[in-house]
Amino acid sequence: MTSGARSVLTAAAVLAALGLVTGCGGSDRKPDEKVAQRDGAAAEPLSASALERAALVKADLKGAGLKGYGIGKMTEREFNGGENAQPAKALQPGCRPLAALMGTGFDPAPRNSVYRSYAAASGRDAGVSGIIRLSSYGPGDAEKTVEDLRKAISACGGGFAATDGSGKRADVTKVTPLGAPAAGDEALAYSMVDGGKEKAVIAFTVVRTGPQLTVAFGVNLTNPTQPAVPKTVVERQVRKVEAANRS
């Protein structure tokens, strides 16, 4: 199982213990020009402390069918899988952006990142769990990250060979575009099928809001073949990032 999948499952276990593209699944939102200038191009990369304030807390999930969800903080070390973890790598160059999103070897690298885990311990989404990474980027880097992902989704639908954070093989057998939320300046979504015996299916949603990225990925412990990243969770997170961009 890839290091990303293990991180998601670890986050789910922790929360449970607490009781708790055109052909690429893309969505290019064209916001009002004034909003774009305020929330997008004119925004500055957020500091780590500003990202922390922008990250979801449990109170943000009240209503909108999110009863039963929990939110937890994650450290960078927890997200990375430990201090000795290596970046996940795809053997095919064109698929490397997809592997990178599962691990820590991002290119381009974000300036700052903070992490949250989420899980539905009860309700209609019981078993849905995952991780959100909020990151701020230097000029043009957030846009490049989304562009590279779009290209990789298109090129790597049949899967790709990869290694995980421990250096072991962690191949992906399939990459499928998914419908992305109408959020931020642009967004995309897709799923990947892990090549291990568990055949875990992991869903991803990536939303760019100016120079900030909201990256969410998750699994469905109740129905492993039907992963989900709740759109309402993502949309609420993006709104907090938009507010931070305006401040």
C-alpha atoms as a PDB file:
ATOM      1  CA  MET A   1       0.000   0.000   0.000  1.00  0.00           C
ATOM      2  CA  THR A   2       1.328   3.469  -0.816  1.00  0.00           C
ATOM      3  CA  SER A   3       2.510   5.714   1.983  1.00  0.00           C
ATOM      4  CA  GLY A   4      -0.385   8.061   1.217  1.00  0.00           C
ATOM      5  CA  ALA A   5      -2.923   5.292   1.671  1.00  0.00           C
ATOM      6  CA  ARG A   6      -1.335   4.281   4.969  1.00  0.00           C
ATOM      7  CA  SER A   7      -1.458   7.896   6.155  1.00  0.00           C
ATOM      8  CA  VAL A   8      -5.162   8.111   5.341  1.00  0.00           C
ATOM      9  CA  LEU A   9      -5.925   4.890   7.165  1.00  0.00           C
ATOM     10  CA  THR A  10      -3.846   5.979  10.157  1.00  0.00           C
ATOM     11  CA  ALA A  11      -5.762   9.252  10.313  1.00  0.00           C
ATOM     12  CA  ALA A  12      -9.047   7.362  10.153  1.00  0.00           C
ATOM     13  CA  ALA A  13      -7.996   5.077  12.981  1.00  0.00           C
ATOM     14  CA  VAL A  14      -6.992   8.024  15.158  1.00  0.00           C
ATOM     15  CA  LEU A  15     -10.286   9.814  14.588  1.00  0.00           C
ATOM     16  CA  ALA A  16     -12.281   6.646  15.191  1.00  0.00           C
ATOM     17  CA  ALA A  17     -10.468   6.181  18.483  1.00  0.00           C
ATOM     18  CA  LEU A  18     -11.493   9.707  19.440  1.00  0.00           C
ATOM     19  CA  GLY A  19     -15.116   8.807  18.711  1.00  0.00           C
ATOM     20  CA  LEU A  20     -15.374  10.297  16.004  1.00  0.00           C
ATOM     21  CA  VAL A  21     -10.614  18.280 -17.427  1.00  0.00           C
ATOM     22  CA  THR A  22     -11.769  18.216 -19.896  1.00  0.00           C
ATOM     23  CA  GLY A  23     -11.204  14.580 -19.855  1.00  0.00           C
ATOM     24  CA  CYS A  24      -9.175  15.051 -16.681  1.00  0.00           C
ATOM     25  CA  GLY A  25     -11.873  15.526 -14.080  1.00  0.00           C
ATOM     26  CA  GLY A  26     -11.003  19.207 -14.071  1.00  0.00           C
ATOM     27  CA  SER A  27     -13.155  22.227 -13.428  1.00  0.00           C
ATOM     28  CA  ASP A  28     -11.890  25.642 -14.499  1.00  0.00           C
ATOM     29  CA  ARG A  29     -13.980  28.077 -12.529  1.00  0.00           C
ATOM     30  CA  LYS A  30     -14.116  31.590 -13.973  1.00  0.00           C
ATOM     31  CA  PRO A  31     -14.946  33.786 -10.998  1.00  0.00           C
ATOM     32  CA  ASP A  32     -16.036  37.390 -11.091  1.00  0.00           C
ATOM     33  CA  GLU A  33     -13.074  39.568 -12.073  1.00  0.00           C
ATOM     34  CA  LYS A  34     -13.139  41.563  -8.841  1.00  0.00           C
ATOM     35  CA  VAL A  35     -13.269  38.365  -6.796  1.00  0.00           C
ATOM     36  CA  ALA A  36     -10.389  36.907  -8.807  1.00  0.00           C
ATOM     37  CA  GLN A  37      -8.291  39.992  -8.177  1.00  0.00           C
ATOM     38  CA  ARG A  38      -9.104  39.869  -4.468  1.00  0.00           C
ATOM     39  CA  ASP A  39      -8.879  36.108  -3.827  1.00  0.00           C
ATOM     40  CA  GLY A  40      -6.587  34.928  -6.604  1.00  0.00           C
ATOM     41  CA  ALA A  41      -3.898  36.768  -8.517  1.00  0.00           C
ATOM     42  CA  ALA A  42      -3.606  39.587  -5.967  1.00  0.00           C
ATOM     43  CA  ALA A  43      -3.258  37.217  -3.009  1.00  0.00           C
ATOM     44  CA  GLU A  44       0.099  36.631  -1.373  1.00  0.00           C
ATOM     45  CA  PRO A  45       1.461  33.235  -0.285  1.00  0.00           C
ATOM     46  CA  LEU A  46       0.185  32.608   3.225  1.00  0.00           C
ATOM     47  CA  SER A  47       2.560  32.013   6.110  1.00  0.00           C
ATOM     48  CA  ALA A  48       2.455  28.776   8.081  1.00  0.00           C
ATOM     49  CA  SER A  49       0.598  30.533  10.899  1.00  0.00           C
ATOM     50  CA  ALA A  50      -1.935  32.017   8.465  1.00  0.00           C
ATOM     51  CA  LEU A  51      -2.490  28.598   6.907  1.00  0.00           C
ATOM     52  CA  GLU A  52      -3.031  27.145  10.373  1.00  0.00           C
ATOM     53  CA  ARG A  53      -5.716  29.738  11.061  1.00  0.00           C
ATOM     54  CA  ALA A  54      -7.302  28.970   7.677  1.00  0.00           C
ATOM     55  CA  ALA A  55      -7.414  25.206   8.256  1.00  0.00           C
ATOM     56  CA  LEU A  56     -10.715  23.579   9.151  1.00  0.00           C
ATOM     57  CA  VAL A  57     -11.817  23.002  12.716  1.00  0.00           C
ATOM     58  CA  LYS A  58     -14.766  20.882  13.814  1.00  0.00           C
ATOM     59  CA  ALA A  59     -17.062  23.884  14.161  1.00  0.00           C
ATOM     60  CA  ASP A  60     -16.682  24.542  10.432  1.00  0.00           C
ATOM     61  CA  LEU A  61     -18.433  21.248   9.657  1.00  0.00           C
ATOM     62  CA  LYS A  62     -21.718  22.041  11.388  1.00  0.00           C
ATOM     63  CA  GLY A  63     -24.735  21.512   9.160  1.00  0.00           C
ATOM     64  CA  ALA A  64     -24.824  20.725   5.424  1.00  0.00           C
ATOM     65  CA  GLY A  65     -25.116  16.991   6.022  1.00  0.00           C
ATOM     66  CA  LEU A  66     -21.742  16.717   7.766  1.00  0.00           C
ATOM     67  CA  LYS A  67     -23.032  15.352  11.052  1.00  0.00           C
ATOM     68  CA  GLY A  68     -20.725  12.659  12.371  1.00  0.00           C
ATOM     69  CA  TYR A  69     -17.570  14.143  10.867  1.00  0.00           C
ATOM     70  CA  GLY A  70     -14.489  14.871  12.927  1.00  0.00           C
ATOM     71  CA  ILE A  71     -11.432  17.002  12.194  1.00  0.00           C
ATOM     72  CA  GLY A  72      -7.983  16.450  13.666  1.00  0.00           C
ATOM     73  CA  LYS A  73      -4.631  18.187  13.407  1.00  0.00           C
ATOM     74  CA  MET A  74      -1.679  16.385  11.830  1.00  0.00           C
ATOM     75  CA  THR A  75       1.977  17.246  12.091  1.00  0.00           C
ATOM     76  CA  GLU A  76       4.213  17.249   9.043  1.00  0.00           C
ATOM     77  CA  ARG A  77       6.036  14.237  10.440  1.00  0.00           C
ATOM     78  CA  GLU A  78       2.758  12.323  10.764  1.00  0.00           C
ATOM     79  CA  PHE A  79       1.840  13.251   7.203  1.00  0.00           C
ATOM     80  CA  ASN A  80       5.260  12.264   5.890  1.00  0.00           C
ATOM     81  CA  GLY A  81       5.181   8.880   7.600  1.00  0.00           C
ATOM     82  CA  GLY A  82       8.180   9.479   9.872  1.00  0.00           C
ATOM     83  CA  GLU A  83      11.542  11.163   9.714  1.00  0.00           C
ATOM     84  CA  ASN A  84      13.087   8.386   7.595  1.00  0.00           C
ATOM     85  CA  ALA A  85      10.348   8.336   4.973  1.00  0.00           C
ATOM     86  CA  GLN A  86      11.369   8.899   1.368  1.00  0.00           C
ATOM     87  CA  PRO A  87       9.369  10.735  -1.306  1.00  0.00           C
ATOM     88  CA  ALA A  88       7.017   8.538  -3.312  1.00  0.00           C
ATOM     89  CA  LYS A  89       8.306   8.260  -6.881  1.00  0.00           C
ATOM     90  CA  ALA A  90       6.826   7.187 -10.221  1.00  0.00           C
ATOM     91  CA  LEU A  91       9.224   5.424 -12.583  1.00  0.00           C
ATOM     92  CA  GLN A  92       7.622   7.097 -15.617  1.00  0.00           C
ATOM     93  CA  PRO A  93       8.539  10.816 -15.671  1.00  0.00           C
ATOM     94  CA  GLY A  94       5.108  11.899 -16.897  1.00  0.00           C
ATOM     95  CA  CYS A  95       3.389  10.277 -13.909  1.00  0.00           C
ATOM     96  CA  ARG A  96       5.636  11.742 -11.225  1.00  0.00           C
ATOM     97  CA  PRO A  97       3.226  14.564 -10.246  1.00  0.00           C
ATOM     98  CA  LEU A  98       0.651  11.914  -9.265  1.00  0.00           C
ATOM     99  CA  ALA A  99       3.116   9.974  -7.130  1.00  0.00           C
ATOM    100  CA  ALA A 100       4.422  13.177  -5.556  1.00  0.00           C
ATOM    101  CA  LEU A 101       0.961  14.116  -4.327  1.00  0.00           C
ATOM    102  CA  MET A 102       0.943  10.914  -2.264  1.00  0.00           C
ATOM    103  CA  GLY A 103       4.192  11.723  -0.526  1.00  0.00           C
ATOM    104  CA  THR A 104       6.471  14.612   0.289  1.00  0.00           C
ATOM    105  CA  GLY A 105       8.690  15.202  -2.762  1.00  0.00           C
ATOM    106  CA  PHE A 106       6.750  18.029  -4.391  1.00  0.00           C
ATOM    107  CA  ASP A 107       8.080  19.808  -7.490  1.00  0.00           C
ATOM    108  CA  PRO A 108       7.674  22.719  -7.266  1.00  0.00           C
ATOM    109  CA  ALA A 109       7.877  22.615  -3.490  1.00  0.00           C
ATOM    110  CA  PRO A 110       5.384  24.658  -1.449  1.00  0.00           C
ATOM    111  CA  ARG A 111       6.629  27.391   0.845  1.00  0.00           C
ATOM    112  CA  ASN A 112       4.443  26.368   3.781  1.00  0.00           C
ATOM    113  CA  SER A 113       2.015  23.557   4.539  1.00  0.00           C
ATOM    114  CA  VAL A 114      -0.365  22.522   7.317  1.00  0.00           C
ATOM    115  CA  TYR A 115      -2.386  19.316   7.611  1.00  0.00           C
ATOM    116  CA  ARG A 116      -5.766  18.094   8.809  1.00  0.00           C
ATOM    117  CA  SER A 117      -7.327  14.646   8.991  1.00  0.00           C
ATOM    118  CA  TYR A 118     -11.062  14.158   8.615  1.00  0.00           C
ATOM    119  CA  ALA A 119     -13.392  11.201   9.086  1.00  0.00           C
ATOM    120  CA  ALA A 120     -17.071  10.387   9.355  1.00  0.00           C
ATOM    121  CA  ALA A 121     -17.540   8.115  12.369  1.00  0.00           C
ATOM    122  CA  SER A 122     -21.317   7.982  11.901  1.00  0.00           C
ATOM    123  CA  GLY A 123     -24.082   9.130   9.574  1.00  0.00           C
ATOM    124  CA  ARG A 124     -24.541   8.519   5.861  1.00  0.00           C
ATOM    125  CA  ASP A 125     -20.814   8.939   5.149  1.00  0.00           C
ATOM    126  CA  ALA A 126     -19.600   6.623   7.919  1.00  0.00           C
ATOM    127  CA  GLY A 127     -16.256   5.188   6.860  1.00  0.00           C
ATOM    128  CA  VAL A 128     -15.230   8.135   4.671  1.00  0.00           C
ATOM    129  CA  SER A 129     -11.912   9.497   5.889  1.00  0.00           C
ATOM    130  CA  GLY A 130      -8.849  11.292   4.616  1.00  0.00           C
ATOM    131  CA  ILE A 131      -6.337  14.093   4.841  1.00  0.00           C
ATOM    132  CA  ILE A 132      -6.285  17.748   3.768  1.00  0.00           C
ATOM    133  CA  ARG A 133      -3.026  19.527   3.003  1.00  0.00           C
ATOM    134  CA  LEU A 134      -3.096  23.326   2.757  1.00  0.00           C
ATOM    135  CA  SER A 135      -0.037  24.777   1.040  1.00  0.00           C
ATOM    136  CA  SER A 136       1.160  28.189  -0.100  1.00  0.00           C
ATOM    137  CA  TYR A 137       3.385  28.538  -3.162  1.00  0.00           C
ATOM    138  CA  GLY A 138       5.740  30.990  -4.789  1.00  0.00           C
ATOM    139  CA  PRO A 139       4.777  32.898  -7.950  1.00  0.00           C
ATOM    140  CA  GLY A 140       3.380  30.557 -10.597  1.00  0.00           C
ATOM    141  CA  ASP A 141       4.141  27.382  -8.660  1.00  0.00           C
ATOM    142  CA  ALA A 142       0.567  26.579  -7.609  1.00  0.00           C
ATOM    143  CA  GLU A 143      -0.568  26.997 -11.218  1.00  0.00           C
ATOM    144  CA  LYS A 144       2.249  24.757 -12.446  1.00  0.00           C
ATOM    145  CA  THR A 145       1.350  22.083  -9.906  1.00  0.00           C
ATOM    146  CA  VAL A 146      -2.241  21.935 -11.185  1.00  0.00           C
ATOM    147  CA  GLU A 147      -1.115  21.974 -14.830  1.00  0.00           C
ATOM    148  CA  ASP A 148       1.340  19.129 -14.229  1.00  0.00           C
ATOM    149  CA  LEU A 149      -1.358  17.089 -12.495  1.00  0.00           C
ATOM    150  CA  ARG A 150      -3.769  17.583 -15.399  1.00  0.00           C
ATOM    151  CA  LYS A 151      -1.177  16.323 -17.857  1.00  0.00           C
ATOM    152  CA  ALA A 152      -0.326  13.341 -15.662  1.00  0.00           C
ATOM    153  CA  ILE A 153      -3.970  12.333 -15.221  1.00  0.00           C
ATOM    154  CA  SER A 154      -4.393  12.347 -18.989  1.00  0.00           C
ATOM    155  CA  ALA A 155      -1.151  10.457 -19.655  1.00  0.00           C
ATOM    156  CA  CYS A 156      -1.283   7.854 -16.875  1.00  0.00           C
ATOM    157  CA  GLY A 157      -4.810   6.461 -16.952  1.00  0.00           C
ATOM    158  CA  GLY A 158      -3.493   2.916 -17.338  1.00  0.00           C
ATOM    159  CA  GLY A 159      -1.458   3.170 -14.146  1.00  0.00           C
ATOM    160  CA  PHE A 160       2.244   3.452 -13.480  1.00  0.00           C
ATOM    161  CA  ALA A 161       5.078   1.799 -11.578  1.00  0.00           C
ATOM    162  CA  ALA A 162       6.121   3.570  -8.381  1.00  0.00           C
ATOM    163  CA  THR A 163       7.924   3.278  -5.064  1.00  0.00           C
ATOM    164  CA  ASP A 164       6.536   4.414  -1.726  1.00  0.00           C
ATOM    165  CA  GLY A 165       7.971   6.235   1.277  1.00  0.00           C
ATOM    166  CA  SER A 166       9.910   3.148   2.332  1.00  0.00           C
ATOM    167  CA  GLY A 167      11.454   2.671  -1.103  1.00  0.00           C
ATOM    168  CA  LYS A 168       9.329  -0.419  -1.817  1.00  0.00           C
ATOM    169  CA  ARG A 169       7.283  -0.942  -4.970  1.00  0.00           C
ATOM    170  CA  ALA A 170       3.853   0.663  -4.746  1.00  0.00           C
ATOM    171  CA  ASP A 171       2.446   0.512  -8.252  1.00  0.00           C
ATOM    172  CA  VAL A 172      -0.791   2.186  -9.305  1.00  0.00           C
ATOM    173  CA  THR A 173      -2.968   0.180 -11.684  1.00  0.00           C
ATOM    174  CA  LYS A 174      -5.483   2.823 -12.751  1.00  0.00           C
ATOM    175  CA  VAL A 175      -6.045   6.590 -12.692  1.00  0.00           C
ATOM    176  CA  THR A 176      -9.620   7.816 -13.259  1.00  0.00           C
ATOM    177  CA  PRO A 177     -10.808  11.434 -13.688  1.00  0.00           C
ATOM    178  CA  LEU A 178     -13.608  12.492 -11.330  1.00  0.00           C
ATOM    179  CA  GLY A 179     -15.923  15.479 -11.218  1.00  0.00           C
ATOM    180  CA  ALA A 180     -14.289  18.405  -9.427  1.00  0.00           C
ATOM    181  CA  PRO A 181     -16.096  20.939  -7.224  1.00  0.00           C
ATOM    182  CA  ALA A 182     -16.816  24.422  -8.579  1.00  0.00           C
ATOM    183  CA  ALA A 183     -14.483  26.023  -6.078  1.00  0.00           C
ATOM    184  CA  GLY A 184     -11.447  28.279  -6.080  1.00  0.00           C
ATOM    185  CA  ASP A 185      -9.798  29.528  -9.267  1.00  0.00           C
ATOM    186  CA  GLU A 186      -9.450  26.027 -10.724  1.00  0.00           C
ATOM    187  CA  ALA A 187      -9.953  22.492  -9.493  1.00  0.00           C
ATOM    188  CA  LEU A 188      -9.463  18.880 -10.513  1.00  0.00           C
ATOM    189  CA  ALA A 189     -10.297  15.479  -9.062  1.00  0.00           C
ATOM    190  CA  TYR A 190      -9.335  11.878  -9.756  1.00  0.00           C
ATOM    191  CA  SER A 191      -8.906   8.465  -8.152  1.00  0.00           C
ATOM    192  CA  MET A 192      -6.038   5.970  -8.143  1.00  0.00           C
ATOM    193  CA  VAL A 193      -6.140   2.212  -7.601  1.00  0.00           C
ATOM    194  CA  ASP A 194      -3.282   0.869  -5.504  1.00  0.00           C
ATOM    195  CA  GLY A 195      -1.483  -2.113  -7.022  1.00  0.00           C
ATOM    196  CA  GLY A 196      -1.068  -3.937  -3.698  1.00  0.00           C
ATOM    197  CA  LYS A 197      -3.171  -6.854  -2.586  1.00  0.00           C
ATOM    198  CA  GLU A 198      -5.587  -4.523  -0.803  1.00  0.00           C
ATOM    199  CA  LYS A 199      -6.458  -2.818  -4.135  1.00  0.00           C
ATOM    200  CA  ALA A 200      -7.194   0.353  -2.194  1.00  0.00           C
ATOM    201  CA  VAL A 201      -8.882   3.110  -4.192  1.00  0.00           C
ATOM    202  CA  ILE A 202      -7.934   6.620  -3.145  1.00  0.00           C
ATOM    203  CA  ALA A 203      -9.764   9.771  -4.297  1.00  0.00           C
ATOM    204  CA  PHE A 204      -8.089  13.160  -4.717  1.00  0.00           C
ATOM    205  CA  THR A 205      -9.387  16.711  -5.035  1.00  0.00           C
ATOM    206  CA  VAL A 206      -7.060  19.668  -5.687  1.00  0.00           C
ATOM    207  CA  VAL A 207      -8.275  23.279  -5.610  1.00  0.00           C
ATOM    208  CA  ARG A 208      -6.151  26.330  -6.349  1.00  0.00           C
ATOM    209  CA  THR A 209      -7.083  29.618  -4.707  1.00  0.00           C
ATOM    210  CA  GLY A 210      -4.521  32.153  -5.856  1.00  0.00           C
ATOM    211  CA  PRO A 211      -1.094  30.879  -4.711  1.00  0.00           C
ATOM    212  CA  GLN A 212      -2.630  28.457  -2.194  1.00  0.00           C
ATOM    213  CA  LEU A 213      -3.585  24.836  -2.853  1.00  0.00           C
ATOM    214  CA  THR A 214      -6.143  22.762  -0.978  1.00  0.00           C
ATOM    215  CA  VAL A 215      -5.218  19.116  -1.547  1.00  0.00           C
ATOM    216  CA  ALA A 216      -7.632  16.524  -0.133  1.00  0.00           C
ATOM    217  CA  PHE A 217      -7.444  12.781  -0.489  1.00  0.00           C
ATOM    218  CA  GLY A 218      -9.411  10.005   1.109  1.00  0.00           C
ATOM    219  CA  VAL A 219     -10.702   6.467   1.246  1.00  0.00           C
ATOM    220  CA  ASN A 220     -13.960   4.760   2.145  1.00  0.00           C
ATOM    221  CA  LEU A 221     -13.378   2.175   4.854  1.00  0.00           C
ATOM    222  CA  THR A 222     -16.944   0.908   4.557  1.00  0.00           C
ATOM    223  CA  ASN A 223     -16.817   0.485   0.776  1.00  0.00           C
ATOM    224  CA  PRO A 224     -13.148   0.523  -0.319  1.00  0.00           C
ATOM    225  CA  THR A 225     -14.030   0.530  -4.036  1.00  0.00           C
ATOM    226  CA  GLN A 226     -16.034   3.751  -3.666  1.00  0.00           C
ATOM    227  CA  PRO A 227     -13.658   6.363  -2.229  1.00  0.00           C
ATOM    228  CA  ALA A 228     -14.922   9.847  -1.611  1.00  0.00           C
ATOM    229  CA  VAL A 229     -13.605  13.290  -0.826  1.00  0.00           C
ATOM    230  CA  PRO A 230     -16.705  15.121   0.458  1.00  0.00           C
ATOM    231  CA  LYS A 231     -17.302  18.180  -1.722  1.00  0.00           C
ATOM    232  CA  THR A 232     -18.878  20.093   1.155  1.00  0.00           C
ATOM    233  CA  VAL A 233     -15.748  19.597   3.278  1.00  0.00           C
ATOM    234  CA  VAL A 234     -13.555  20.820   0.425  1.00  0.00           C
ATOM    235  CA  GLU A 235     -15.787  23.788  -0.347  1.00  0.00           C
ATOM    236  CA  ARG A 236     -15.807  24.894   3.285  1.00  0.00           C
ATOM    237  CA  GLN A 237     -12.046  24.612   3.429  1.00  0.00           C
ATOM    238  CA  VAL A 238     -11.669  26.654   0.247  1.00  0.00           C
ATOM    239  CA  ARG A 239     -13.929  29.379   1.637  1.00  0.00           C
ATOM    240  CA  LYS A 240     -11.654  29.723   4.661  1.00  0.00           C
ATOM    241  CA  VAL A 241      -8.640  30.013   2.359  1.00  0.00           C
ATOM    242  CA  GLU A 242     -10.431  32.675   0.315  1.00  0.00           C
ATOM    243  CA  ALA A 243     -11.116  34.614   3.510  1.00  0.00           C
ATOM    244  CA  ALA A 244      -7.454  34.323   4.509  1.00  0.00           C
ATOM    245  CA  ASN A 245      -6.428  35.617   1.074  1.00  0.00           C
ATOM    246  CA  ARG A 246      -8.589  38.700   1.606  1.00  0.00           C
ATOM    247  CA  SER A 247      -7.205  39.460   5.064  1.00  0.00           C
END
